[in-house]
Protein backbone atom coordinates (compact mmCIF):
# COMPACT_ATOMS: atom_id res chain seq x y z
CA MET A 1 12.89 -5.74 -11.12
CA ARG A 2 14.25 -3.02 -12.25
CA LYS A 3 15.74 -0.40 -10.34
CA SER A 4 15.10 3.10 -10.71
CA LYS A 5 17.79 5.76 -9.82
CA GLN A 6 15.60 8.67 -8.72
CA ARG A 7 17.42 12.12 -7.54
CA GLN A 8 15.61 13.73 -4.48
CA GLY A 9 17.07 15.92 -2.21
CA GLY A 10 19.91 14.84 -3.57
CA ARG A 11 19.90 11.80 -2.08
CA SER A 12 19.33 8.61 -4.63
CA CYS A 13 16.00 6.18 -4.42
CA GLU A 14 17.63 3.13 -5.53
CA LYS A 15 15.54 1.02 -3.35
CA THR A 16 13.02 2.10 -2.96
CA GLY A 17 10.05 1.86 -5.29
CA PRO A 18 6.62 3.84 -6.16
CA LEU A 19 4.16 5.15 -3.58
CA VAL A 20 1.48 3.50 -4.57
CA ILE A 21 -2.02 4.00 -3.07
CA ILE A 22 -5.15 1.00 -3.16
CA PRO A 23 -8.93 1.76 -1.84
CA CYS A 24 -10.03 0.54 0.92
CA GLY A 25 -13.26 -1.87 1.34
CA ARG A 26 -16.25 -2.37 2.44
CA ARG A 27 -16.33 -5.69 3.96
CA LYS A 28 -14.50 -5.29 7.07
CA ARG A 29 -13.13 -7.70 10.07
CA GLY A 30 -14.93 -7.52 13.32
CA ALA A 31 -11.70 -6.87 15.29
CA ALA A 32 -9.33 -4.32 15.33
CA SER A 33 -6.51 -5.53 12.66
CA ARG A 34 -3.67 -3.91 11.20
CA ALA A 35 -4.99 -2.47 8.14
CA GLU A 36 -3.29 -5.19 5.27
CA GLU A 37 -5.12 -7.91 7.38
CA LEU A 38 -8.61 -5.78 7.95
CA TYR A 39 -10.88 -5.63 4.80
CA LEU A 40 -11.57 -8.92 3.08
CA GLY A 41 -13.48 -7.78 -0.43
CA ALA A 42 -12.21 -9.73 -2.91
CA TYR A 43 -11.29 -6.51 -4.75
CA PHE A 44 -8.81 -4.80 -2.08
CA GLN A 45 -7.18 -8.26 -1.83
CA SER A 46 -6.24 -8.09 -5.83
CA CYS A 47 -5.04 -4.53 -4.94
CA LEU A 48 -2.96 -5.86 -2.72
CA LYS A 49 -1.81 -8.14 -4.35
CA THR A 50 -0.49 -6.13 -7.39
CA ALA A 51 0.60 -3.64 -5.24
CA LEU A 52 3.11 -5.75 -3.29
CA PHE A 53 4.66 -6.88 -7.16
CA LEU A 54 4.95 -3.27 -7.92
CA THR A 55 6.99 -1.91 -4.83
CA PRO A 56 7.53 -2.99 -1.41
CA LYS A 57 5.03 -3.12 1.80
CA ASP A 58 6.31 0.71 3.31
CA ARG A 59 5.35 2.55 0.45
CA ILE A 60 2.05 1.41 -0.23
CA ARG A 61 -1.32 3.54 1.33
CA ILE A 62 -4.79 2.21 2.10
CA LEU A 63 -7.15 5.74 0.85
CA SER A 64 -9.79 4.95 3.27
CA GLY A 65 -12.80 7.65 3.45
CA LYS A 66 -12.94 8.32 7.27
CA HIS A 67 -9.44 7.60 8.16
CA GLY A 68 -7.09 8.99 5.35
CA LEU A 69 -4.02 7.30 3.56
CA LEU A 70 -2.82 4.49 6.12
CA LYS A 71 -0.16 2.19 6.16
CA LEU A 72 -0.26 -0.71 6.19
CA ARG A 73 0.63 -2.02 9.11
């Protein structure tokens, strides 16, 4: 995996990856769940899998039309 050394505000960002924003999905669980477990559709699952390949979980957000940007956890 490639490490990038970008400078932001005088600090090195070597251990972070890009911020990846994925779309939410229409199909959802019936019960309250963490955002990463809430959406059930195949397209969402594919986007999440690709995002996890590109960057750590803490750098992934889900764009919800109702709730805005959501963290996975």
